Structures are given as structure tokens and as C-alpha cells.
All heavy atoms as atom14 arrays in JSON, in Angstrom:
{
  "sequence": "TVSAGEARARIAAGGRWLDVRTGDEFDQQHLAAA",
  "atom14_mask": [
    [1, 1, 1, 1, 1, 1, 1, 0, 0, 0, 0, 0, 0, 0],
    [1, 1, 1, 1, 1, 1, 1, 0, 0, 0, 0, 0, 0, 0],
    [1, 1, 1, 1, 1, 1, 0, 0, 0, 0, 0, 0, 0, 0],
    [1, 1, 1, 1, 1, 0, 0, 0, 0, 0, 0, 0, 0, 0],
    [1, 1, 1, 1, 0, 0, 0, 0, 0, 0, 0, 0, 0, 0],
    [1, 1, 1, 1, 1, 1, 1, 1, 1, 0, 0, 0, 0, 0],
    [1, 1, 1, 1, 1, 0, 0, 0, 0, 0, 0, 0, 0, 0],
    [1, 1, 1, 1, 1, 1, 1, 1, 1, 1, 1, 0, 0, 0],
    [1, 1, 1, 1, 1, 0, 0, 0, 0, 0, 0, 0, 0, 0],
    [1, 1, 1, 1, 1, 1, 1, 1, 1, 1, 1, 0, 0, 0],
    [1, 1, 1, 1, 1, 1, 1, 1, 0, 0, 0, 0, 0, 0],
    [1, 1, 1, 1, 1, 0, 0, 0, 0, 0, 0, 0, 0, 0],
    [1, 1, 1, 1, 1, 0, 0, 0, 0, 0, 0, 0, 0, 0],
    [1, 1, 1, 1, 0, 0, 0, 0, 0, 0, 0, 0, 0, 0],
    [1, 1, 1, 1, 0, 0, 0, 0, 0, 0, 0, 0, 0, 0],
    [1, 1, 1, 1, 1, 1, 1, 1, 1, 1, 1, 0, 0, 0],
    [1, 1, 1, 1, 1, 1, 1, 1, 1, 1, 1, 1, 1, 1],
    [1, 1, 1, 1, 1, 1, 1, 1, 0, 0, 0, 0, 0, 0],
    [1, 1, 1, 1, 1, 1, 1, 1, 0, 0, 0, 0, 0, 0],
    [1, 1, 1, 1, 1, 1, 1, 0, 0, 0, 0, 0, 0, 0],
    [1, 1, 1, 1, 1, 1, 1, 1, 1, 1, 1, 0, 0, 0],
    [1, 1, 1, 1, 1, 1, 1, 0, 0, 0, 0, 0, 0, 0],
    [1, 1, 1, 1, 0, 0, 0, 0, 0, 0, 0, 0, 0, 0],
    [1, 1, 1, 1, 1, 1, 1, 1, 0, 0, 0, 0, 0, 0],
    [1, 1, 1, 1, 1, 1, 1, 1, 1, 0, 0, 0, 0, 0],
    [1, 1, 1, 1, 1, 1, 1, 1, 1, 1, 1, 0, 0, 0],
    [1, 1, 1, 1, 1, 1, 1, 1, 0, 0, 0, 0, 0, 0],
    [1, 1, 1, 1, 1, 1, 1, 1, 1, 0, 0, 0, 0, 0],
    [1, 1, 1, 1, 1, 1, 1, 1, 1, 0, 0, 0, 0, 0],
    [1, 1, 1, 1, 1, 1, 1, 1, 1, 1, 0, 0, 0, 0],
    [1, 1, 1, 1, 1, 1, 1, 1, 0, 0, 0, 0, 0, 0],
    [1, 1, 1, 1, 1, 0, 0, 0, 0, 0, 0, 0, 0, 0],
    [1, 1, 1, 1, 1, 0, 0, 0, 0, 0, 0, 0, 0, 0],
    [1, 1, 1, 1, 1, 0, 0, 0, 0, 0, 0, 0, 0, 0]
  ],
  "atom14_positions": [
    [[0.81, -1.17, -0.01], [0.0, -0.01, 0.01], [0.9, 1.27, 0.03], [1.94, 1.24, 0.47], [-0.88, 0.03, 1.21], [-0.12, 0.02, 2.44], [-1.87, -1.2, 1.26], [0.0, 0.0, 0.0], [0.0, 0.0, 0.0], [0.0, 0.0, 0.0], [0.0, 0.0, 0.0], [0.0, 0.0, 0.0], [0.0, 0.0, 0.0], [0.0, 0.0, 0.0]],
    [[0.36, 2.33, -0.6], [1.12, 3.62, -0.67], [0.22, 4.68, -0.29], [-1.04, 4.62, -0.57], [1.7, 3.8, -2.01], [2.74, 2.82, -2.41], [0.6, 3.76, -3.17], [0.0, 0.0, 0.0], [0.0, 0.0, 0.0], [0.0, 0.0, 0.0], [0.0, 0.0, 0.0], [0.0, 0.0, 0.0], [0.0, 0.0, 0.0], [0.0, 0.0, 0.0]],
    [[0.75, 5.79, 0.35], [-0.03, 6.9, 0.66], [-0.28, 7.7, -0.65], [0.22, 7.4, -1.67], [0.73, 7.83, 1.62], [1.91, 8.32, 0.96], [0.0, 0.0, 0.0], [0.0, 0.0, 0.0], [0.0, 0.0, 0.0], [0.0, 0.0, 0.0], [0.0, 0.0, 0.0], [0.0, 0.0, 0.0], [0.0, 0.0, 0.0], [0.0, 0.0, 0.0]],
    [[-1.13, 8.74, -0.53], [-1.46, 9.56, -1.67], [-0.16, 10.22, -2.2], [0.06, 10.38, -3.41], [-2.51, 10.63, -1.34], [0.0, 0.0, 0.0], [0.0, 0.0, 0.0], [0.0, 0.0, 0.0], [0.0, 0.0, 0.0], [0.0, 0.0, 0.0], [0.0, 0.0, 0.0], [0.0, 0.0, 0.0], [0.0, 0.0, 0.0], [0.0, 0.0, 0.0]],
    [[0.71, 10.64, -1.28], [1.97, 11.29, -1.74], [2.85, 10.33, -2.43], [3.43, 10.62, -3.45], [0.0, 0.0, 0.0], [0.0, 0.0, 0.0], [0.0, 0.0, 0.0], [0.0, 0.0, 0.0], [0.0, 0.0, 0.0], [0.0, 0.0, 0.0], [0.0, 0.0, 0.0], [0.0, 0.0, 0.0], [0.0, 0.0, 0.0], [0.0, 0.0, 0.0]],
    [[2.92, 9.13, -1.98], [3.79, 8.12, -2.59], [3.22, 7.71, -3.92], [3.89, 7.52, -4.93], [3.84, 6.84, -1.74], [4.72, 7.09, -0.4], [4.65, 5.85, 0.44], [3.46, 5.45, 0.77], [5.64, 5.36, 0.9], [0.0, 0.0, 0.0], [0.0, 0.0, 0.0], [0.0, 0.0, 0.0], [0.0, 0.0, 0.0], [0.0, 0.0, 0.0]],
    [[1.87, 7.6, -4.02], [1.17, 7.31, -5.26], [1.47, 8.4, -6.3], [1.74, 8.11, -7.47], [-0.3, 7.22, -5.03], [0.0, 0.0, 0.0], [0.0, 0.0, 0.0], [0.0, 0.0, 0.0], [0.0, 0.0, 0.0], [0.0, 0.0, 0.0], [0.0, 0.0, 0.0], [0.0, 0.0, 0.0], [0.0, 0.0, 0.0], [0.0, 0.0, 0.0]],
    [[1.35, 9.65, -5.85], [1.58, 10.74, -6.82], [3.03, 10.66, -7.4], [3.26, 10.92, -8.52], [1.46, 12.09, -6.04], [1.43, 13.3, -6.96], [1.31, 14.58, -6.2], [-0.06, 14.8, -5.61], [-0.29, 14.65, -4.29], [0.66, 14.37, -3.4], [-1.52, 14.86, -3.88], [0.0, 0.0, 0.0], [0.0, 0.0, 0.0], [0.0, 0.0, 0.0]],
    [[3.97, 10.35, -6.51], [5.41, 10.25, -6.97], [5.53, 9.12, -7.97], [6.2, 9.29, -8.93], [6.34, 10.0, -5.76], [0.0, 0.0, 0.0], [0.0, 0.0, 0.0], [0.0, 0.0, 0.0], [0.0, 0.0, 0.0], [0.0, 0.0, 0.0], [0.0, 0.0, 0.0], [0.0, 0.0, 0.0], [0.0, 0.0, 0.0], [0.0, 0.0, 0.0]],
    [[4.91, 8.03, -7.74], [4.99, 6.89, -8.68], [4.29, 7.21, -10.05], [4.83, 6.79, -11.07], [4.36, 5.64, -8.09], [5.21, 5.11, -6.91], [4.74, 3.72, -6.45], [5.57, 3.3, -5.35], [6.78, 2.75, -5.41], [7.3, 2.54, -6.64], [7.4, 2.41, -4.41], [0.0, 0.0, 0.0], [0.0, 0.0, 0.0], [0.0, 0.0, 0.0]],
    [[3.25, 7.95, -10.0], [2.56, 8.4, -11.23], [3.54, 9.36, -11.96], [3.66, 9.21, -13.19], [1.24, 9.07, -10.91], [0.28, 8.01, -10.29], [0.61, 9.55, -12.26], [0.05, 6.77, -11.04], [0.0, 0.0, 0.0], [0.0, 0.0, 0.0], [0.0, 0.0, 0.0], [0.0, 0.0, 0.0], [0.0, 0.0, 0.0], [0.0, 0.0, 0.0]],
    [[4.13, 10.28, -11.31], [5.03, 11.26, -11.87], [6.26, 10.61, -12.47], [6.81, 11.06, -13.41], [5.51, 12.28, -10.86], [0.0, 0.0, 0.0], [0.0, 0.0, 0.0], [0.0, 0.0, 0.0], [0.0, 0.0, 0.0], [0.0, 0.0, 0.0], [0.0, 0.0, 0.0], [0.0, 0.0, 0.0], [0.0, 0.0, 0.0], [0.0, 0.0, 0.0]],
    [[6.62, 9.42, -11.96], [7.79, 8.64, -12.45], [7.47, 7.75, -13.63], [8.3, 6.89, -14.04], [8.44, 7.85, -11.34], [0.0, 0.0, 0.0], [0.0, 0.0, 0.0], [0.0, 0.0, 0.0], [0.0, 0.0, 0.0], [0.0, 0.0, 0.0], [0.0, 0.0, 0.0], [0.0, 0.0, 0.0], [0.0, 0.0, 0.0], [0.0, 0.0, 0.0]],
    [[6.21, 7.79, -14.09], [5.82, 6.93, -15.22], [4.8, 5.88, -15.0], [4.45, 5.13, -15.87], [0.0, 0.0, 0.0], [0.0, 0.0, 0.0], [0.0, 0.0, 0.0], [0.0, 0.0, 0.0], [0.0, 0.0, 0.0], [0.0, 0.0, 0.0], [0.0, 0.0, 0.0], [0.0, 0.0, 0.0], [0.0, 0.0, 0.0], [0.0, 0.0, 0.0]],
    [[4.39, 5.81, -13.74], [3.35, 4.85, -13.3], [1.99, 5.25, -13.82], [1.8, 6.37, -14.42], [0.0, 0.0, 0.0], [0.0, 0.0, 0.0], [0.0, 0.0, 0.0], [0.0, 0.0, 0.0], [0.0, 0.0, 0.0], [0.0, 0.0, 0.0], [0.0, 0.0, 0.0], [0.0, 0.0, 0.0], [0.0, 0.0, 0.0], [0.0, 0.0, 0.0]],
    [[0.97, 4.44, -13.59], [-0.34, 4.71, -14.1], [-1.4, 4.31, -13.08], [-1.27, 3.29, -12.41], [-0.59, 4.04, -15.45], [-1.9, 4.43, -16.09], [-2.14, 3.85, -17.45], [-3.36, 4.36, -18.11], [-3.84, 3.85, -19.19], [-3.22, 2.91, -19.86], [-4.99, 4.41, -19.69], [0.0, 0.0, 0.0], [0.0, 0.0, 0.0], [0.0, 0.0, 0.0]],
    [[-2.47, 5.11, -12.98], [-3.52, 4.77, -12.09], [-4.31, 3.61, -12.68], [-4.54, 3.57, -13.94], [-4.53, 5.95, -11.95], [-3.98, 7.18, -11.27], [-3.78, 8.34, -11.9], [-3.64, 7.3, -9.94], [-3.33, 9.29, -10.93], [-3.11, 8.66, -9.77], [-3.59, 6.5, -8.79], [-2.77, 9.21, -8.53], [-3.17, 6.91, -7.59], [-2.76, 8.23, -7.48]],
    [[-4.78, 2.7, -11.85], [-5.59, 1.54, -12.3], [-6.91, 1.56, -11.46], [-6.85, 1.26, -10.2], [-4.83, 0.3, -12.06], [-5.4, -1.03, -12.69], [-5.54, -0.86, -14.21], [-4.61, -2.25, -12.31], [0.0, 0.0, 0.0], [0.0, 0.0, 0.0], [0.0, 0.0, 0.0], [0.0, 0.0, 0.0], [0.0, 0.0, 0.0], [0.0, 0.0, 0.0]],
    [[-7.97, 1.88, -12.04], [-9.26, 1.95, -11.48], [-9.96, 0.57, -11.52], [-10.3, 0.21, -12.64], [-10.13, 3.04, -12.07], [-11.45, 3.38, -11.3], [-12.04, 2.42, -10.83], [-11.71, 4.6, -11.2], [0.0, 0.0, 0.0], [0.0, 0.0, 0.0], [0.0, 0.0, 0.0], [0.0, 0.0, 0.0], [0.0, 0.0, 0.0], [0.0, 0.0, 0.0]],
    [[-10.2, -0.09, -10.43], [-10.8, -1.48, -10.5], [-12.22, -1.43, -10.18], [-12.81, -2.51, -9.85], [-9.97, -2.42, -9.56], [-8.56, -2.49, -10.03], [-10.05, -2.07, -8.08], [0.0, 0.0, 0.0], [0.0, 0.0, 0.0], [0.0, 0.0, 0.0], [0.0, 0.0, 0.0], [0.0, 0.0, 0.0], [0.0, 0.0, 0.0], [0.0, 0.0, 0.0]],
    [[-12.87, -0.25, -10.08], [-14.29, -0.21, -9.84], [-15.14, -0.57, -11.12], [-14.48, -0.71, -12.19], [-14.65, 1.19, -9.38], [-13.96, 1.59, -8.1], [-14.25, 3.08, -7.71], [-13.84, 3.96, -8.83], [-14.27, 5.13, -8.93], [-15.2, 5.69, -8.11], [-13.89, 5.87, -10.0], [0.0, 0.0, 0.0], [0.0, 0.0, 0.0], [0.0, 0.0, 0.0]],
    [[-16.38, -0.58, -11.0], [-17.2, -0.91, -12.17], [-17.1, 0.29, -13.23], [-16.79, 1.35, -12.88], [-18.66, -1.12, -11.85], [-19.25, 0.08, -11.32], [-18.75, -2.15, -10.73], [0.0, 0.0, 0.0], [0.0, 0.0, 0.0], [0.0, 0.0, 0.0], [0.0, 0.0, 0.0], [0.0, 0.0, 0.0], [0.0, 0.0, 0.0], [0.0, 0.0, 0.0]],
    [[-17.59, -0.05, -14.47], [-17.58, 1.03, -15.46], [-18.46, 2.17, -15.15], [-18.16, 3.36, -15.48], [0.0, 0.0, 0.0], [0.0, 0.0, 0.0], [0.0, 0.0, 0.0], [0.0, 0.0, 0.0], [0.0, 0.0, 0.0], [0.0, 0.0, 0.0], [0.0, 0.0, 0.0], [0.0, 0.0, 0.0], [0.0, 0.0, 0.0], [0.0, 0.0, 0.0]],
    [[-19.55, 1.94, -14.46], [-20.5, 3.01, -14.1], [-19.84, 3.91, -13.05], [-20.04, 5.14, -13.19], [-21.84, 2.42, -13.55], [-22.73, 1.81, -14.61], [-22.62, 2.23, -15.76], [-23.42, 0.84, -14.26], [0.0, 0.0, 0.0], [0.0, 0.0, 0.0], [0.0, 0.0, 0.0], [0.0, 0.0, 0.0], [0.0, 0.0, 0.0], [0.0, 0.0, 0.0]],
    [[-19.16, 3.34, -12.1], [-18.46, 4.19, -11.14], [-17.43, 4.95, -11.75], [-17.22, 6.17, -11.47], [-17.87, 3.23, -10.03], [-18.84, 2.56, -9.14], [-18.15, 1.55, -8.22], [-17.71, 0.51, -8.68], [-17.98, 1.96, -7.0], [0.0, 0.0, 0.0], [0.0, 0.0, 0.0], [0.0, 0.0, 0.0], [0.0, 0.0, 0.0], [0.0, 0.0, 0.0]],
    [[-16.59, 4.38, -12.67], [-15.53, 5.12, -13.35], [-16.08, 6.22, -14.17], [-15.53, 7.32, -14.17], [-14.83, 4.07, -14.26], [-13.66, 4.62, -15.04], [-12.47, 4.72, -14.49], [-13.86, 5.05, -16.42], [-11.38, 5.26, -15.2], [-12.83, 5.62, -17.07], [-11.58, 5.68, -16.51], [0.0, 0.0, 0.0], [0.0, 0.0, 0.0], [0.0, 0.0, 0.0]],
    [[-17.23, 6.0, -14.81], [-17.81, 7.1, -15.64], [-18.31, 8.21, -14.9], [-18.21, 9.4, -15.41], [-18.97, 6.56, -16.51], [-18.53, 5.57, -17.62], [-17.35, 5.61, -17.96], [-19.37, 4.78, -18.1], [0.0, 0.0, 0.0], [0.0, 0.0, 0.0], [0.0, 0.0, 0.0], [0.0, 0.0, 0.0], [0.0, 0.0, 0.0], [0.0, 0.0, 0.0]],
    [[-18.66, 8.0, -13.64], [-19.11, 9.2, -12.93], [-17.99, 10.05, -12.46], [-18.09, 11.29, -12.5], [-19.9, 8.7, -11.61], [-20.51, 9.8, -10.88], [-21.07, 9.37, -9.55], [-20.56, 8.47, -8.88], [-22.12, 10.06, -9.14], [0.0, 0.0, 0.0], [0.0, 0.0, 0.0], [0.0, 0.0, 0.0], [0.0, 0.0, 0.0], [0.0, 0.0, 0.0]],
    [[-16.92, 9.42, -11.96], [-15.75, 10.21, -11.56], [-14.58, 9.28, -11.48], [-14.69, 8.16, -10.95], [-15.95, 10.94, -10.22], [-14.92, 11.96, -9.9], [-15.38, 12.83, -8.7], [-15.7, 12.35, -7.71], [-15.29, 14.1, -8.92], [0.0, 0.0, 0.0], [0.0, 0.0, 0.0], [0.0, 0.0, 0.0], [0.0, 0.0, 0.0], [0.0, 0.0, 0.0]],
    [[-13.4, 9.71, -11.85], [-12.24, 8.89, -11.82], [-10.91, 9.79, -11.75], [-11.09, 10.98, -11.89], [-12.07, 7.9, -12.88], [-12.12, 8.49, -14.22], [-13.26, 8.72, -14.95], [-11.1, 8.93, -15.04], [-12.96, 9.26, -16.13], [-11.63, 9.46, -16.22], [0.0, 0.0, 0.0], [0.0, 0.0, 0.0], [0.0, 0.0, 0.0], [0.0, 0.0, 0.0]],
    [[-9.77, 9.21, -11.54], [-8.54, 9.91, -11.61], [-8.03, 10.03, -13.07], [-8.19, 9.06, -13.83], [-7.44, 9.22, -10.76], [-7.79, 9.13, -9.26], [-6.7, 8.41, -8.48], [-8.11, 10.4, -8.66], [0.0, 0.0, 0.0], [0.0, 0.0, 0.0], [0.0, 0.0, 0.0], [0.0, 0.0, 0.0], [0.0, 0.0, 0.0], [0.0, 0.0, 0.0]],
    [[-7.5, 11.14, -13.33], [-7.1, 11.45, -14.78], [-6.16, 10.42, -15.32], [-5.19, 10.0, -14.59], [-6.46, 12.84, -14.89], [0.0, 0.0, 0.0], [0.0, 0.0, 0.0], [0.0, 0.0, 0.0], [0.0, 0.0, 0.0], [0.0, 0.0, 0.0], [0.0, 0.0, 0.0], [0.0, 0.0, 0.0], [0.0, 0.0, 0.0], [0.0, 0.0, 0.0]],
    [[-6.35, 10.0, -16.53], [-5.46, 9.01, -17.3], [-5.52, 7.63, -16.65], [-4.61, 6.83, -16.95], [-4.11, 9.56, -17.4], [0.0, 0.0, 0.0], [0.0, 0.0, 0.0], [0.0, 0.0, 0.0], [0.0, 0.0, 0.0], [0.0, 0.0, 0.0], [0.0, 0.0, 0.0], [0.0, 0.0, 0.0], [0.0, 0.0, 0.0], [0.0, 0.0, 0.0]],
    [[-6.48, 7.37, -15.8], [-6.59, 6.07, -15.2], [-7.03, 5.05, -16.29], [-7.94, 5.34, -17.04], [-7.51, 6.01, -13.97], [0.0, 0.0, 0.0], [0.0, 0.0, 0.0], [0.0, 0.0, 0.0], [0.0, 0.0, 0.0], [0.0, 0.0, 0.0], [0.0, 0.0, 0.0], [0.0, 0.0, 0.0], [0.0, 0.0, 0.0], [0.0, 0.0, 0.0]]
  ]
}
């Protein structure tokens, strides 16, 4: 597990968000480029 700050650093280093919720949840709101 990583904190929000650690997650932000991994995304900045080339990582990517992975949203594992349903498509309906994702369509309502999600993190950019997930």
C-alpha cells in the first residue's frame, strides 16, 4: 500500500492509475489518465 503522496510520486515517475471499480463508477468520476 502507498499513501497519496507516494502514489503521486509513482505516477510522476511513469506509473499509471488503475481503477478497479465498475464502469458505471468510473464514468461518474475517476482519476485522470486512469
